[in-house]
C-alpha cells in the first residue's frame, strides 16, 4: 500500500486546491470552460516538455517505494500527469487569488 502514497498525496492535494477554488470561486468555479482549456493546455505543454527531456536523457524515472511503479511510457510514471495537473491547478488558484487580493488593495486606495 505504501506504493500508492505519493499518488494519494497528489490526489488529496489536488482535492484541497479544488476546495479552495470552490470556496473563493477563483478558477474552475469562476469560468469552467476557460479553466478547462487552460488546464488541458498547461498539462499538455508540460507533458511535451517531459517527453523532450526524456528523449534527451535529462529526465529519468527514479525508483521509490512511495510510487506505484506504473509507467505510462518509458521514464514517465503514472504520478507525473497527476502532478502536472496539480501544478497547473495550484498555479492558477494562486494566480487568480493573488489578482483578486491585489485588485481589492487597489480599490481601497
PDB file of N, CA and C in Angstrom:
ATOM      1  N   UNK A   1       0.821  -1.209   0.000  1.00  0.00           N
ATOM      2  CA  UNK A   1       0.000   0.000   0.000  1.00  0.00           C
ATOM      3  C   UNK A   1       0.859   1.265   0.000  1.00  0.00           C
ATOM      4  N   UNK A   2       2.056   1.167   0.523  1.00  0.00           N
ATOM      5  CA  UNK A   2       2.940   2.329   0.548  1.00  0.00           C
ATOM      6  C   UNK A   2       3.281   2.785  -0.869  1.00  0.00           C
ATOM      7  N   UNK A   3       3.155   1.873  -1.851  1.00  0.00           N
ATOM      8  CA  UNK A   3       3.447   2.201  -3.238  1.00  0.00           C
ATOM      9  C   UNK A   3       2.489   3.222  -3.842  1.00  0.00           C
ATOM     10  N   UNK A   4       1.413   3.511  -3.150  1.00  0.00           N
ATOM     11  CA  UNK A   4       0.455   4.491  -3.655  1.00  0.00           C
ATOM     12  C   UNK A   4       0.466   5.777  -2.835  1.00  0.00           C
ATOM     13  N   UNK A   5       1.431   5.918  -1.940  1.00  0.00           N
ATOM     14  CA  UNK A   5       1.461   7.075  -1.035  1.00  0.00           C
ATOM     15  C   UNK A   5       1.616   8.385  -1.794  1.00  0.00           C
ATOM     16  N   UNK A   6       2.527   8.438  -2.746  1.00  0.00           N
ATOM     17  CA  UNK A   6       2.758   9.680  -3.492  1.00  0.00           C
ATOM     18  C   UNK A   6       1.535  10.037  -4.328  1.00  0.00           C
ATOM     19  N   UNK A   7       0.971   9.057  -5.009  1.00  0.00           N
ATOM     20  CA  UNK A   7      -0.228   9.303  -5.813  1.00  0.00           C
ATOM     21  C   UNK A   7      -1.380   9.767  -4.933  1.00  0.00           C
ATOM     22  N   UNK A   8      -1.519   9.160  -3.768  1.00  0.00           N
ATOM     23  CA  UNK A   8      -2.574   9.567  -2.833  1.00  0.00           C
ATOM     24  C   UNK A   8      -2.338  10.995  -2.345  1.00  0.00           C
ATOM     25  N   UNK A   9      -1.100  11.325  -2.028  1.00  0.00           N
ATOM     26  CA  UNK A   9      -0.782  12.690  -1.564  1.00  0.00           C
ATOM     27  C   UNK A   9      -1.081  13.712  -2.654  1.00  0.00           C
ATOM     28  N   UNK A  10      -0.732  13.387  -3.889  1.00  0.00           N
ATOM     29  CA  UNK A  10      -1.031  14.296  -5.006  1.00  0.00           C
ATOM     30  C   UNK A  10      -2.534  14.476  -5.182  1.00  0.00           C
ATOM     31  N   UNK A  11      -3.264  13.386  -5.108  1.00  0.00           N
ATOM     32  CA  UNK A  11      -4.714  13.437  -5.291  1.00  0.00           C
ATOM     33  C   UNK A  11      -5.385  14.235  -4.179  1.00  0.00           C
ATOM     34  N   UNK A  12      -4.957  14.017  -2.948  1.00  0.00           N
ATOM     35  CA  UNK A  12      -5.514  14.769  -1.818  1.00  0.00           C
ATOM     36  C   UNK A  12      -5.179  16.257  -1.951  1.00  0.00           C
ATOM     37  N   UNK A  13      -3.952  16.557  -2.335  1.00  0.00           N
ATOM     38  CA  UNK A  13      -3.539  17.958  -2.515  1.00  0.00           C
ATOM     39  C   UNK A  13      -4.334  18.634  -3.621  1.00  0.00           C
ATOM     40  N   UNK A  14      -4.559  17.917  -4.717  1.00  0.00           N
ATOM     41  CA  UNK A  14      -5.376  18.451  -5.807  1.00  0.00           C
ATOM     42  C   UNK A  14      -6.795  18.721  -5.318  1.00  0.00           C
ATOM     43  N   UNK A  15      -7.340  17.794  -4.561  1.00  0.00           N
ATOM     44  CA  UNK A  15      -8.681  17.982  -3.997  1.00  0.00           C
ATOM     45  C   UNK A  15      -8.755  19.211  -3.104  1.00  0.00           C
ATOM     46  N   UNK A  16      -7.723  19.430  -2.300  1.00  0.00           N
ATOM     47  CA  UNK A  16      -7.682  20.609  -1.429  1.00  0.00           C
ATOM     48  C   UNK A  16      -7.632  21.895  -2.244  1.00  0.00           C
ATOM     49  N   UNK A  17      -6.848  21.893  -3.316  1.00  0.00           N
ATOM     50  CA  UNK A  17      -6.786  23.081  -4.190  1.00  0.00           C
ATOM     51  C   UNK A  17      -8.165  23.366  -4.795  1.00  0.00           C
ATOM     52  N   UNK A  18      -8.848  22.304  -5.199  1.00  0.00           N
ATOM     53  CA  UNK A  18     -10.181  22.493  -5.785  1.00  0.00           C
ATOM     54  C   UNK A  18     -11.193  22.973  -4.747  1.00  0.00           C
ATOM     55  N   UNK A  19     -11.026  22.559  -3.496  1.00  0.00           N
ATOM     56  CA  UNK A  19     -11.901  23.072  -2.441  1.00  0.00           C
ATOM     57  C   UNK A  19     -11.663  24.563  -2.203  1.00  0.00           C
ATOM     58  N   UNK A  20     -10.405  24.985  -2.207  1.00  0.00           N
ATOM     59  CA  UNK A  20     -10.090  26.415  -2.082  1.00  0.00           C
ATOM     60  C   UNK A  20     -10.681  27.176  -3.264  1.00  0.00           C
ATOM     61  N   UNK A  21     -10.520  26.599  -4.454  1.00  0.00           N
ATOM     62  CA  UNK A  21     -11.075  27.209  -5.664  1.00  0.00           C
ATOM     63  C   UNK A  21     -12.588  27.366  -5.529  1.00  0.00           C
ATOM     64  N   UNK A  22     -13.237  26.327  -5.069  1.00  0.00           N
ATOM     65  CA  UNK A  22     -14.699  26.381  -4.925  1.00  0.00           C
ATOM     66  C   UNK A  22     -15.116  27.423  -3.894  1.00  0.00           C
ATOM     67  N   UNK A  23     -14.416  27.453  -2.785  1.00  0.00           N
ATOM     68  CA  UNK A  23     -14.769  28.380  -1.707  1.00  0.00           C
ATOM     69  C   UNK A  23     -14.699  29.837  -2.158  1.00  0.00           C
ATOM     70  N   UNK A  24     -13.655  30.171  -2.932  1.00  0.00           N
ATOM     71  CA  UNK A  24     -13.446  31.555  -3.332  1.00  0.00           C
ATOM     72  C   UNK A  24     -13.784  31.826  -4.801  1.00  0.00           C
ATOM     73  N   UNK A  25     -14.262  30.802  -5.505  1.00  0.00           N
ATOM     74  CA  UNK A  25     -14.621  30.929  -6.924  1.00  0.00           C
ATOM     75  C   UNK A  25     -13.515  31.634  -7.717  1.00  0.00           C
ATOM     76  N   UNK A  26     -12.359  30.988  -7.763  1.00  0.00           N
ATOM     77  CA  UNK A  26     -11.185  31.603  -8.374  1.00  0.00           C
ATOM     78  C   UNK A  26     -10.909  31.141  -9.798  1.00  0.00           C
ATOM     79  N   UNK A  27     -11.116  29.861 -10.083  1.00  0.00           N
ATOM     80  CA  UNK A  27     -10.662  29.313 -11.363  1.00  0.00           C
ATOM     81  C   UNK A  27     -11.774  28.479 -11.999  1.00  0.00           C
ATOM     82  N   UNK A  28     -11.916  27.230 -11.628  1.00  0.00           N
ATOM     83  CA  UNK A  28     -12.950  26.387 -12.225  1.00  0.00           C
ATOM     84  C   UNK A  28     -14.352  26.876 -11.872  1.00  0.00           C
ATOM     85  N   UNK A  29     -14.523  27.376 -10.661  1.00  0.00           N
ATOM     86  CA  UNK A  29     -15.861  27.821 -10.258  1.00  0.00           C
ATOM     87  C   UNK A  29     -16.157  29.243 -10.699  1.00  0.00           C
ATOM     88  N   UNK A  30     -15.190  29.898 -11.298  1.00  0.00           N
ATOM     89  CA  UNK A  30     -15.429  31.231 -11.854  1.00  0.00           C
ATOM     90  C   UNK A  30     -15.772  31.130 -13.333  1.00  0.00           C
ATOM     91  N   UNK A  31     -14.993  30.357 -14.080  1.00  0.00           N
ATOM     92  CA  UNK A  31     -15.203  30.188 -15.521  1.00  0.00           C
ATOM     93  C   UNK A  31     -14.747  28.775 -15.915  1.00  0.00           C
ATOM     94  N   UNK A  32     -15.633  27.786 -15.813  1.00  0.00           N
ATOM     95  CA  UNK A  32     -15.244  26.394 -16.031  1.00  0.00           C
ATOM     96  C   UNK A  32     -14.652  26.107 -17.419  1.00  0.00           C
ATOM     97  N   UNK A  33     -15.190  26.709 -18.452  1.00  0.00           N
ATOM     98  CA  UNK A  33     -14.681  26.445 -19.795  1.00  0.00           C
ATOM     99  C   UNK A  33     -13.255  26.977 -19.959  1.00  0.00           C
ATOM    100  N   UNK A  34     -13.026  28.213 -19.567  1.00  0.00           N
ATOM    101  CA  UNK A  34     -11.681  28.789 -19.660  1.00  0.00           C
ATOM    102  C   UNK A  34     -10.704  28.009 -18.779  1.00  0.00           C
ATOM    103  N   UNK A  35     -11.143  27.625 -17.598  1.00  0.00           N
ATOM    104  CA  UNK A  35     -10.275  26.866 -16.690  1.00  0.00           C
ATOM    105  C   UNK A  35      -9.913  25.514 -17.291  1.00  0.00           C
ATOM    106  N   UNK A  36     -10.871  24.855 -17.904  1.00  0.00           N
ATOM    107  CA  UNK A  36     -10.601  23.564 -18.530  1.00  0.00           C
ATOM    108  C   UNK A  36      -9.607  23.709 -19.681  1.00  0.00           C
ATOM    109  N   UNK A  37      -9.768  24.737 -20.482  1.00  0.00           N
ATOM    110  CA  UNK A  37      -8.855  24.975 -21.611  1.00  0.00           C
ATOM    111  C   UNK A  37      -7.446  25.252 -21.102  1.00  0.00           C
ATOM    112  N   UNK A  38      -7.317  26.116 -20.095  1.00  0.00           N
ATOM    113  CA  UNK A  38      -6.004  26.441 -19.533  1.00  0.00           C
ATOM    114  C   UNK A  38      -5.370  25.200 -18.911  1.00  0.00           C
ATOM    115  N   UNK A  39      -6.161  24.418 -18.211  1.00  0.00           N
ATOM    116  CA  UNK A  39      -5.637  23.224 -17.550  1.00  0.00           C
ATOM    117  C   UNK A  39      -5.156  22.195 -18.563  1.00  0.00           C
ATOM    118  N   UNK A  40      -5.954  21.912 -19.574  1.00  0.00           N
ATOM    119  CA  UNK A  40      -5.556  20.944 -20.602  1.00  0.00           C
ATOM    120  C   UNK A  40      -4.312  21.437 -21.343  1.00  0.00           C
ATOM    121  N   UNK A  41      -4.302  22.715 -21.698  1.00  0.00           N
ATOM    122  CA  UNK A  41      -3.139  23.274 -22.408  1.00  0.00           C
ATOM    123  C   UNK A  41      -1.891  23.218 -21.537  1.00  0.00           C
ATOM    124  N   UNK A  42      -2.020  23.545 -20.266  1.00  0.00           N
ATOM    125  CA  UNK A  42      -0.876  23.521 -19.361  1.00  0.00           C
ATOM    126  C   UNK A  42      -0.325  22.123 -19.163  1.00  0.00           C
ATOM    127  N   UNK A  43      -1.203  21.161 -18.916  1.00  0.00           N
ATOM    128  CA  UNK A  43      -0.757  19.776 -18.727  1.00  0.00           C
ATOM    129  C   UNK A  43      -0.130  19.253 -20.016  1.00  0.00           C
ATOM    130  N   UNK A  44      -0.743  19.543 -21.156  1.00  0.00           N
ATOM    131  CA  UNK A  44      -0.190  19.094 -22.439  1.00  0.00           C
ATOM    132  C   UNK A  44       1.187  19.703 -22.675  1.00  0.00           C
ATOM    133  N   UNK A  45       1.337  20.988 -22.395  1.00  0.00           N
ATOM    134  CA  UNK A  45       2.633  21.649 -22.553  1.00  0.00           C
ATOM    135  C   UNK A  45       3.710  20.951 -21.724  1.00  0.00           C
ATOM    136  N   UNK A  46       3.400  20.698 -20.460  1.00  0.00           N
ATOM    137  CA  UNK A  46       4.389  20.075 -19.591  1.00  0.00           C
ATOM    138  C   UNK A  46       4.637  18.610 -19.941  1.00  0.00           C
ATOM    139  N   UNK A  47       3.641  17.917 -20.478  1.00  0.00           N
ATOM    140  CA  UNK A  47       3.881  16.544 -20.934  1.00  0.00           C
ATOM    141  C   UNK A  47       4.808  16.527 -22.145  1.00  0.00           C
ATOM    142  N   UNK A  48       4.641  17.487 -23.044  1.00  0.00           N
ATOM    143  CA  UNK A  48       5.560  17.604 -24.188  1.00  0.00           C
ATOM    144  C   UNK A  48       6.952  17.949 -23.680  1.00  0.00           C
ATOM    145  N   UNK A  49       7.029  18.850 -22.721  1.00  0.00           N
ATOM    146  CA  UNK A  49       8.303  19.217 -22.096  1.00  0.00           C
ATOM    147  C   UNK A  49       8.961  17.969 -21.499  1.00  0.00           C
ATOM    148  N   UNK A  50       8.181  17.174 -20.760  1.00  0.00           N
ATOM    149  CA  UNK A  50       8.706  15.940 -20.178  1.00  0.00           C
ATOM    150  C   UNK A  50       9.181  14.978 -21.253  1.00  0.00           C
ATOM    151  N   UNK A  51       8.395  14.831 -22.311  1.00  0.00           N
ATOM    152  CA  UNK A  51       8.774  13.920 -23.400  1.00  0.00           C
ATOM    153  C   UNK A  51      10.099  14.347 -24.029  1.00  0.00           C
ATOM    154  N   UNK A  52      10.282  15.646 -24.206  1.00  0.00           N
ATOM    155  CA  UNK A  52      11.544  16.147 -24.757  1.00  0.00           C
ATOM    156  C   UNK A  52      12.699  15.861 -23.801  1.00  0.00           C
ATOM    157  N   UNK A  53      12.484  16.097 -22.538  1.00  0.00           N
ATOM    158  CA  UNK A  53      13.515  15.821 -21.543  1.00  0.00           C
ATOM    159  C   UNK A  53      13.854  14.343 -21.457  1.00  0.00           C
ATOM    160  N   UNK A  54      12.843  13.499 -21.562  1.00  0.00           N
ATOM    161  CA  UNK A  54      13.067  12.048 -21.554  1.00  0.00           C
ATOM    162  C   UNK A  54      13.847  11.632 -22.795  1.00  0.00           C
ATOM    163  N   UNK A  55      13.448  12.166 -23.955  1.00  0.00           N
ATOM    164  CA  UNK A  55      14.126  11.826 -25.212  1.00  0.00           C
ATOM    165  C   UNK A  55      15.594  12.241 -25.193  1.00  0.00           C
ATOM    166  N   UNK A  56      15.913  13.340 -24.508  1.00  0.00           N
ATOM    167  CA  UNK A  56      17.299  13.815 -24.429  1.00  0.00           C
ATOM    168  C   UNK A  56      18.077  13.153 -23.295  1.00  0.00           C
ATOM    169  N   UNK A  57      17.390  12.317 -22.531  1.00  0.00           N
ATOM    170  CA  UNK A  57      18.061  11.637 -21.428  1.00  0.00           C
ATOM    171  C   UNK A  57      18.243  12.489 -20.192  1.00  0.00           C
ATOM    172  N   UNK A  58      17.528  13.610 -20.126  1.00  0.00           N
ATOM    173  CA  UNK A  58      17.643  14.517 -18.983  1.00  0.00           C
ATOM    174  C   UNK A  58      16.740  14.052 -17.839  1.00  0.00           C
ATOM    175  N   UNK A  59      15.518  13.655 -18.163  1.00  0.00           N
ATOM    176  CA  UNK A  59      14.562  13.222 -17.151  1.00  0.00           C
ATOM    177  C   UNK A  59      14.574  11.701 -17.073  1.00  0.00           C
ATOM    178  N   UNK A  60      14.764  11.192 -15.886  1.00  0.00           N
ATOM    179  CA  UNK A  60      14.757   9.755 -15.663  1.00  0.00           C
ATOM    180  C   UNK A  60      13.811   9.443 -14.520  1.00  0.00           C
ATOM    181  N   UNK A  61      13.175   8.301 -14.611  1.00  0.00           N
ATOM    182  CA  UNK A  61      12.260   7.869 -13.548  1.00  0.00           C
ATOM    183  C   UNK A  61      13.087   7.254 -12.437  1.00  0.00           C
ATOM    184  N   UNK A  62      12.964   7.796 -11.268  1.00  0.00           N
ATOM    185  CA  UNK A  62      13.671   7.241 -10.121  1.00  0.00           C
ATOM    186  C   UNK A  62      12.840   6.147  -9.470  1.00  0.00           C
ATOM    187  N   UNK A  63      13.506   5.267  -8.783  1.00  0.00           N
ATOM    188  CA  UNK A  63      12.796   4.224  -8.042  1.00  0.00           C
ATOM    189  C   UNK A  63      12.473   4.746  -6.656  1.00  0.00           C
ATOM    190  N   UNK A  64      11.245   4.536  -6.253  1.00  0.00           N
ATOM    191  CA  UNK A  64      10.812   4.986  -4.943  1.00  0.00           C
ATOM    192  C   UNK A  64       9.794   4.000  -4.393  1.00  0.00           C
ATOM    193  N   UNK A  65       9.898   3.686  -3.122  1.00  0.00           N
ATOM    194  CA  UNK A  65       8.890   2.797  -2.532  1.00  0.00           C
ATOM    195  C   UNK A  65       7.523   3.481  -2.405  1.00  0.00           C
ATOM    196  N   UNK A  66       7.488   4.808  -2.585  1.00  0.00           N
ATOM    197  CA  UNK A  66       6.238   5.563  -2.451  1.00  0.00           C
ATOM    198  C   UNK A  66       5.478   5.678  -3.775  1.00  0.00           C
ATOM    199  N   UNK A  67       6.114   5.312  -4.886  1.00  0.00           N
ATOM    200  CA  UNK A  67       5.487   5.400  -6.206  1.00  0.00           C
ATOM    201  C   UNK A  67       4.808   4.072  -6.550  1.00  0.00           C
ATOM    202  N   UNK A  68       3.837   4.145  -7.445  1.00  0.00           N
ATOM    203  CA  UNK A  68       3.084   2.946  -7.814  1.00  0.00           C
ATOM    204  C   UNK A  68       3.906   1.971  -8.638  1.00  0.00           C
ATOM    205  N   UNK A  69       4.861   2.474  -9.388  1.00  0.00           N
ATOM    206  CA  UNK A  69       5.625   1.610 -10.286  1.00  0.00           C
ATOM    207  C   UNK A  69       4.976   1.477 -11.649  1.00  0.00           C
ATOM    208  N   UNK A  70       3.786   2.072 -11.824  1.00  0.00           N
ATOM    209  CA  UNK A  70       3.087   2.040 -13.108  1.00  0.00           C
ATOM    210  C   UNK A  70       3.738   3.080 -14.018  1.00  0.00           C
ATOM    211  N   UNK A  71       4.120   2.635 -15.213  1.00  0.00           N
ATOM    212  CA  UNK A  71       4.799   3.513 -16.159  1.00  0.00           C
ATOM    213  C   UNK A  71       3.914   3.661 -17.394  1.00  0.00           C
ATOM    214  N   UNK A  72       3.581   4.900 -17.757  1.00  0.00           N
ATOM    215  CA  UNK A  72       2.720   5.164 -18.910  1.00  0.00           C
ATOM    216  C   UNK A  72       3.498   5.119 -20.222  1.00  0.00           C
ATOM    217  N   UNK A  73       4.751   5.491 -20.157  1.00  0.00           N
ATOM    218  CA  UNK A  73       5.671   5.479 -21.293  1.00  0.00           C
ATOM    219  C   UNK A  73       7.063   5.333 -20.689  1.00  0.00           C
ATOM    220  N   UNK A  74       8.068   5.054 -21.491  1.00  0.00           N
ATOM    221  CA  UNK A  74       9.408   4.939 -20.907  1.00  0.00           C
ATOM    222  C   UNK A  74       9.769   6.183 -20.090  1.00  0.00           C
ATOM    223  N   UNK A  75      10.123   5.968 -18.844  1.00  0.00           N
ATOM    224  CA  UNK A  75      10.539   7.026 -17.911  1.00  0.00           C
ATOM    225  C   UNK A  75       9.416   7.993 -17.537  1.00  0.00           C
ATOM    226  N   UNK A  76       8.154   7.641 -17.814  1.00  0.00           N
ATOM    227  CA  UNK A  76       7.017   8.509 -17.471  1.00  0.00           C
ATOM    228  C   UNK A  76       6.075   7.760 -16.526  1.00  0.00           C
ATOM    229  N   UNK A  77       6.244   7.963 -15.220  1.00  0.00           N
ATOM    230  CA  UNK A  77       5.394   7.259 -14.256  1.00  0.00           C
ATOM    231  C   UNK A  77       3.976   7.820 -14.225  1.00  0.00           C
ATOM    232  N   UNK A  78       3.071   7.021 -13.752  1.00  0.00           N
ATOM    233  CA  UNK A  78       1.658   7.407 -13.623  1.00  0.00           C
ATOM    234  C   UNK A  78       1.497   8.699 -12.821  1.00  0.00           C
ATOM    235  N   UNK A  79       2.338   8.886 -11.844  1.00  0.00           N
ATOM    236  CA  UNK A  79       2.214  10.057 -10.976  1.00  0.00           C
ATOM    237  C   UNK A  79       2.519  11.371 -11.691  1.00  0.00           C
ATOM    238  N   UNK A  80       3.275  11.334 -12.771  1.00  0.00           N
ATOM    239  CA  UNK A  80       3.687  12.575 -13.443  1.00  0.00           C
ATOM    240  C   UNK A  80       2.514  13.391 -13.985  1.00  0.00           C
ATOM    241  N   UNK A  81       1.585  12.812 -14.765  1.00  0.00           N
ATOM    242  CA  UNK A  81       0.453  13.629 -15.225  1.00  0.00           C
ATOM    243  C   UNK A  81      -0.420  14.140 -14.069  1.00  0.00           C
ATOM    244  N   UNK A  82      -0.529  13.359 -13.001  1.00  0.00           N
ATOM    245  CA  UNK A  82      -1.305  13.815 -11.844  1.00  0.00           C
ATOM    246  C   UNK A  82      -0.594  14.991 -11.185  1.00  0.00           C
ATOM    247  N   UNK A  83       0.730  14.903 -11.065  1.00  0.00           N
ATOM    248  CA  UNK A  83       1.499  16.023 -10.529  1.00  0.00           C
ATOM    249  C   UNK A  83       1.342  17.258 -11.407  1.00  0.00           C
ATOM    250  N   UNK A  84       1.412  17.083 -12.716  1.00  0.00           N
ATOM    251  CA  UNK A  84       1.280  18.224 -13.629  1.00  0.00           C
ATOM    252  C   UNK A  84      -0.104  18.856 -13.519  1.00  0.00           C
ATOM    253  N   UNK A  85      -1.129  18.038 -13.364  1.00  0.00           N
ATOM    254  CA  UNK A  85      -2.482  18.560 -13.158  1.00  0.00           C
ATOM    255  C   UNK A  85      -2.528  19.377 -11.875  1.00  0.00           C
ATOM    256  N   UNK A  86      -1.962  18.836 -10.795  1.00  0.00           N
ATOM    257  CA  UNK A  86      -1.905  19.581  -9.536  1.00  0.00           C
ATOM    258  C   UNK A  86      -1.141  20.886  -9.711  1.00  0.00           C
ATOM    259  N   UNK A  87      -0.002  20.835 -10.404  1.00  0.00           N
ATOM    260  CA  UNK A  87       0.829  22.018 -10.614  1.00  0.00           C
ATOM    261  C   UNK A  87       0.057  23.126 -11.326  1.00  0.00           C
ATOM    262  N   UNK A  88      -0.647  22.776 -12.384  1.00  0.00           N
ATOM    263  CA  UNK A  88      -1.398  23.777 -13.152  1.00  0.00           C
ATOM    264  C   UNK A  88      -2.539  24.348 -12.315  1.00  0.00           C
ATOM    265  N   UNK A  89      -3.302  23.489 -11.666  1.00  0.00           N
ATOM    266  CA  UNK A  89      -4.438  23.964 -10.858  1.00  0.00           C
ATOM    267  C   UNK A  89      -3.938  24.825  -9.699  1.00  0.00           C
ATOM    268  N   UNK A  90      -2.895  24.372  -9.017  1.00  0.00           N
ATOM    269  CA  UNK A  90      -2.339  25.140  -7.899  1.00  0.00           C
ATOM    270  C   UNK A  90      -1.858  26.510  -8.372  1.00  0.00           C
ATOM    271  N   UNK A  91      -1.153  26.530  -9.480  1.00  0.00           N
ATOM    272  CA  UNK A  91      -0.646  27.794 -10.023  1.00  0.00           C
ATOM    273  C   UNK A  91      -1.784  28.742 -10.366  1.00  0.00           C
ATOM    274  N   UNK A  92      -2.817  28.238 -11.003  1.00  0.00           N
ATOM    275  CA  UNK A  92      -3.922  29.105 -11.404  1.00  0.00           C
ATOM    276  C   UNK A  92      -4.737  29.587 -10.205  1.00  0.00           C
ATOM    277  N   UNK A  93      -4.899  28.745  -9.186  1.00  0.00           N
ATOM    278  CA  UNK A  93      -5.601  29.191  -7.977  1.00  0.00           C
ATOM    279  C   UNK A  93      -4.782  30.275  -7.279  1.00  0.00           C
ATOM    280  N   UNK A  94      -3.471  30.073  -7.192  1.00  0.00           N
ATOM    281  CA  UNK A  94      -2.612  31.099  -6.596  1.00  0.00           C
ATOM    282  C   UNK A  94      -2.626  32.384  -7.419  1.00  0.00           C
ATOM    283  N   UNK A  95      -2.550  32.263  -8.731  1.00  0.00           N
ATOM    284  CA  UNK A  95      -2.541  33.440  -9.597  1.00  0.00           C
ATOM    285  C   UNK A  95      -3.856  34.216  -9.485  1.00  0.00           C
ATOM    286  N   UNK A  96      -4.979  33.522  -9.656  1.00  0.00           N
ATOM    287  CA  UNK A  96      -6.271  34.219  -9.624  1.00  0.00           C
ATOM    288  C   UNK A  96      -6.566  34.778  -8.236  1.00  0.00           C
ATOM    289  N   UNK A  97      -6.128  34.062  -7.200  1.00  0.00           N
ATOM    290  CA  UNK A  97      -6.294  34.583  -5.844  1.00  0.00           C
ATOM    291  C   UNK A  97      -5.450  35.819  -5.619  1.00  0.00           C
ATOM    292  N   UNK A  98      -4.222  35.811  -6.119  1.00  0.00           N
ATOM    293  CA  UNK A  98      -3.336  36.976  -5.989  1.00  0.00           C
ATOM    294  C   UNK A  98      -3.895  38.182  -6.733  1.00  0.00           C
ATOM    295  N   UNK A  99      -4.400  37.953  -7.924  1.00  0.00           N
ATOM    296  CA  UNK A  99      -5.000  39.044  -8.697  1.00  0.00           C
ATOM    297  C   UNK A  99      -6.171  39.642  -7.929  1.00  0.00           C
ATOM    298  N   UNK A 100      -6.985  38.799  -7.336  1.00  0.00           N
ATOM    299  CA  UNK A 100      -8.130  39.306  -6.574  1.00  0.00           C
ATOM    300  C   UNK A 100      -7.671  40.151  -5.386  1.00  0.00           C
ATOM    301  N   UNK A 101      -6.681  39.663  -4.650  1.00  0.00           N
ATOM    302  CA  UNK A 101      -6.173  40.406  -3.491  1.00  0.00           C
ATOM    303  C   UNK A 101      -5.582  41.741  -3.936  1.00  0.00           C
ATOM    304  N   UNK A 102      -4.788  41.745  -4.978  1.00  0.00           N
ATOM    305  CA  UNK A 102      -4.180  42.987  -5.461  1.00  0.00           C
ATOM    306  C   UNK A 102      -5.224  43.971  -5.963  1.00  0.00           C
ATOM    307  N   UNK A 103      -6.250  43.479  -6.643  1.00  0.00           N
ATOM    308  CA  UNK A 103      -7.316  44.368  -7.114  1.00  0.00           C
ATOM    309  C   UNK A 103      -8.077  44.989  -5.956  1.00  0.00           C
ATOM    310  N   UNK A 104      -8.309  44.226  -4.913  1.00  0.00           N
ATOM    311  CA  UNK A 104      -9.003  44.782  -3.744  1.00  0.00           C
ATOM    312  C   UNK A 104      -8.158  45.832  -3.043  1.00  0.00           C
ATOM    313  N   UNK A 105      -6.860  45.622  -3.014  1.00  0.00           N
ATOM    314  CA  UNK A 105      -5.971  46.634  -2.412  1.00  0.00           C
ATOM    315  C   UNK A 105      -5.986  47.920  -3.221  1.00  0.00           C
ATOM    316  N   UNK A 106      -6.029  47.803  -4.553  1.00  0.00           N
ATOM    317  CA  UNK A 106      -6.095  48.994  -5.407  1.00  0.00           C
ATOM    318  C   UNK A 106      -7.398  49.752  -5.169  1.00  0.00           C
ATOM    319  N   UNK A 107      -8.492  49.014  -5.019  1.00  0.00           N
ATOM    320  CA  UNK A 107      -9.803  49.642  -4.820  1.00  0.00           C
ATOM    321  C   UNK A 107      -9.852  50.424  -3.512  1.00  0.00           C
ATOM    322  N   UNK A 108      -9.133  49.976  -2.510  1.00  0.00           N
ATOM    323  CA  UNK A 108      -9.164  50.622  -1.198  1.00  0.00           C
ATOM    324  C   UNK A 108      -8.392  51.929  -1.182  1.00  0.00           C
ATOM    325  N   UNK A 109      -7.536  52.151  -2.147  1.00  0.00           N
ATOM    326  CA  UNK A 109      -6.720  53.376  -2.163  1.00  0.00           C
ATOM    327  C   UNK A 109      -7.492  54.549  -2.668  1.00  0.00           C
TER     328      UNK A 109
END
